[in-house]
């Protein structure tokens, strides 16, 4: 049975909310929060910090819109969004390790608490798209 092909209304709402969050954050990368996002780009990355912020912003906008509008491909989009959250995690770790203030995260405690929410975003992306359920069914 392909029960992963259908999502509940709660999952659908959660998918749209996550998509809106990503599109909003991506827009922030490209406009009003550019400097704040630069604080999360690890210094060891061999690319211009501004380029990383712009590219990740574009990716976030595209992922957000994909979550909202590509419902027939939501399982694949869910995996891509989860992977994106894993790939940006080193930036959050860098901000914690370097004690860099941004987005009101001005203490190690607040930056550490933020780190705990990154896995929540990964799980959210996999749950609201039924990506995890589809993977388990196809094993």
Protein backbone atom coordinates (compact mmCIF):
# COMPACT_ATOMS: atom_id res chain seq x y z
CA UNK A 1 0.00 0.00 0.00
CA UNK A 2 1.26 3.49 -0.84
CA UNK A 3 0.01 5.15 2.34
CA UNK A 4 2.97 7.56 2.19
CA UNK A 5 1.39 9.17 -0.87
CA UNK A 6 -1.23 10.85 1.28
CA UNK A 7 -0.53 13.29 4.06
CA UNK A 8 -2.83 14.45 6.81
CA UNK A 9 -4.12 18.00 6.96
CA UNK A 10 -1.69 18.64 9.84
CA UNK A 11 1.23 17.44 7.71
CA UNK A 12 0.07 19.56 4.78
CA UNK A 13 -0.18 22.65 6.99
CA UNK A 14 3.24 21.88 8.48
CA UNK A 15 4.71 21.51 4.96
CA UNK A 16 3.29 24.86 3.84
CA UNK A 17 4.46 26.57 7.05
CA UNK A 18 7.96 25.14 6.61
CA UNK A 19 7.93 26.24 2.98
CA UNK A 20 6.86 29.76 3.94
CA UNK A 21 9.55 29.87 6.63
CA UNK A 22 12.23 28.84 4.13
CA UNK A 23 11.04 31.31 1.47
CA UNK A 24 10.96 34.09 4.06
CA UNK A 25 14.43 33.23 5.41
CA UNK A 26 15.80 32.97 1.88
CA UNK A 27 14.42 36.39 1.06
CA UNK A 28 16.15 37.67 4.20
CA UNK A 29 19.43 36.25 2.92
CA UNK A 30 19.05 38.37 -0.19
CA UNK A 31 17.83 41.57 1.48
CA UNK A 32 17.36 42.79 5.05
CA UNK A 33 19.31 40.09 6.97
CA UNK A 34 22.34 39.67 4.75
CA UNK A 35 24.85 40.81 7.39
CA UNK A 36 23.25 38.58 10.03
CA UNK A 37 23.55 35.55 7.75
CA UNK A 38 27.19 36.38 7.04
CA UNK A 39 27.84 35.66 10.74
CA UNK A 40 26.97 32.02 10.09
CA UNK A 41 29.34 31.44 7.20
CA UNK A 42 32.34 29.50 8.54
CA UNK A 43 35.66 31.26 7.95
CA UNK A 44 37.19 28.00 6.73
CA UNK A 45 34.82 27.84 3.76
CA UNK A 46 36.87 28.55 0.61
CA UNK A 47 34.20 30.84 -0.89
CA UNK A 48 33.23 34.46 -0.40
CA UNK A 49 30.87 34.73 2.56
CA UNK A 50 28.59 37.03 0.61
CA UNK A 51 28.41 34.52 -2.25
CA UNK A 52 27.48 31.76 0.20
CA UNK A 53 24.74 33.93 1.71
CA UNK A 54 23.30 34.81 -1.70
CA UNK A 55 23.43 31.24 -3.05
CA UNK A 56 21.98 29.72 0.11
CA UNK A 57 19.25 32.38 0.04
CA UNK A 58 18.32 31.45 -3.52
CA UNK A 59 18.29 27.78 -2.57
CA UNK A 60 16.11 28.49 0.47
CA UNK A 61 13.57 30.43 -1.59
CA UNK A 62 13.44 27.65 -4.18
CA UNK A 63 13.10 24.94 -1.52
CA UNK A 64 10.38 26.89 0.26
CA UNK A 65 8.40 27.36 -2.92
CA UNK A 66 8.95 23.70 -3.82
CA UNK A 67 7.52 22.59 -0.48
CA UNK A 68 4.46 24.74 -1.05
CA UNK A 69 3.77 24.15 -4.74
CA UNK A 70 5.34 20.81 -5.76
CA UNK A 71 3.10 18.59 -3.68
CA UNK A 72 3.34 15.68 -6.13
CA UNK A 73 7.13 15.65 -5.66
CA UNK A 74 6.96 16.33 -1.92
CA UNK A 75 8.81 13.14 -0.92
CA UNK A 76 11.84 14.09 -3.01
CA UNK A 77 11.57 17.72 -1.92
CA UNK A 78 11.41 16.56 1.69
CA UNK A 79 14.71 14.71 1.34
CA UNK A 80 16.35 17.69 -0.38
CA UNK A 81 15.13 20.08 2.34
CA UNK A 82 16.36 17.73 5.07
CA UNK A 83 19.74 17.52 3.33
CA UNK A 84 19.87 21.31 3.10
CA UNK A 85 19.31 21.57 6.86
CA UNK A 86 22.16 19.12 7.43
CA UNK A 87 24.46 21.04 5.05
CA UNK A 88 23.91 24.41 6.76
CA UNK A 89 24.45 22.96 10.24
CA UNK A 90 28.23 23.63 10.17
CA UNK A 91 27.40 27.33 9.86
CA UNK A 92 25.37 27.18 13.05
CA UNK A 93 28.16 25.26 14.77
CA UNK A 94 30.68 27.84 13.56
CA UNK A 95 28.57 30.66 14.97
CA UNK A 96 28.51 28.84 18.32
CA UNK A 97 32.24 28.02 18.38
CA UNK A 98 33.32 31.52 17.31
CA UNK A 99 30.87 33.18 19.73
CA UNK A 100 29.50 35.33 16.91
CA UNK A 101 26.38 37.35 17.71
CA UNK A 102 23.61 37.37 15.12
CA UNK A 103 19.83 37.18 15.10
CA UNK A 104 19.70 38.07 18.78
CA UNK A 105 21.80 35.02 19.63
CA UNK A 106 24.25 36.88 21.85
CA UNK A 107 25.14 34.17 24.36
CA UNK A 108 26.62 30.71 24.07
CA UNK A 109 23.48 29.36 25.73
CA UNK A 110 21.17 30.86 23.11
CA UNK A 111 23.44 29.73 20.27
CA UNK A 112 23.62 26.24 21.84
CA UNK A 113 19.85 26.00 22.16
CA UNK A 114 19.57 26.93 18.50
CA UNK A 115 21.82 23.99 17.61
CA UNK A 116 19.31 21.66 19.25
CA UNK A 117 16.59 22.84 16.88
CA UNK A 118 18.44 21.92 13.67
CA UNK A 119 17.57 18.20 14.01
CA UNK A 120 13.96 19.26 14.61
CA UNK A 121 13.97 20.97 11.20
CA UNK A 122 15.34 17.81 9.56
CA UNK A 123 12.64 15.68 11.19
CA UNK A 124 9.98 18.27 10.31
CA UNK A 125 10.95 18.17 6.62
CA UNK A 126 10.92 14.36 6.53
CA UNK A 127 7.67 14.04 8.48
CA UNK A 128 5.53 16.67 6.75
CA UNK A 129 6.40 15.30 3.29
CA UNK A 130 6.15 11.63 4.32
CA UNK A 131 9.70 11.21 2.97
CA UNK A 132 10.76 9.04 5.90
CA UNK A 133 7.63 6.90 5.62
CA UNK A 134 8.18 6.44 1.87
CA UNK A 135 11.80 5.40 2.43
CA UNK A 136 10.78 2.84 5.08
CA UNK A 137 8.10 1.41 2.80
CA UNK A 138 10.52 1.04 -0.11
CA UNK A 139 13.26 -0.68 1.87
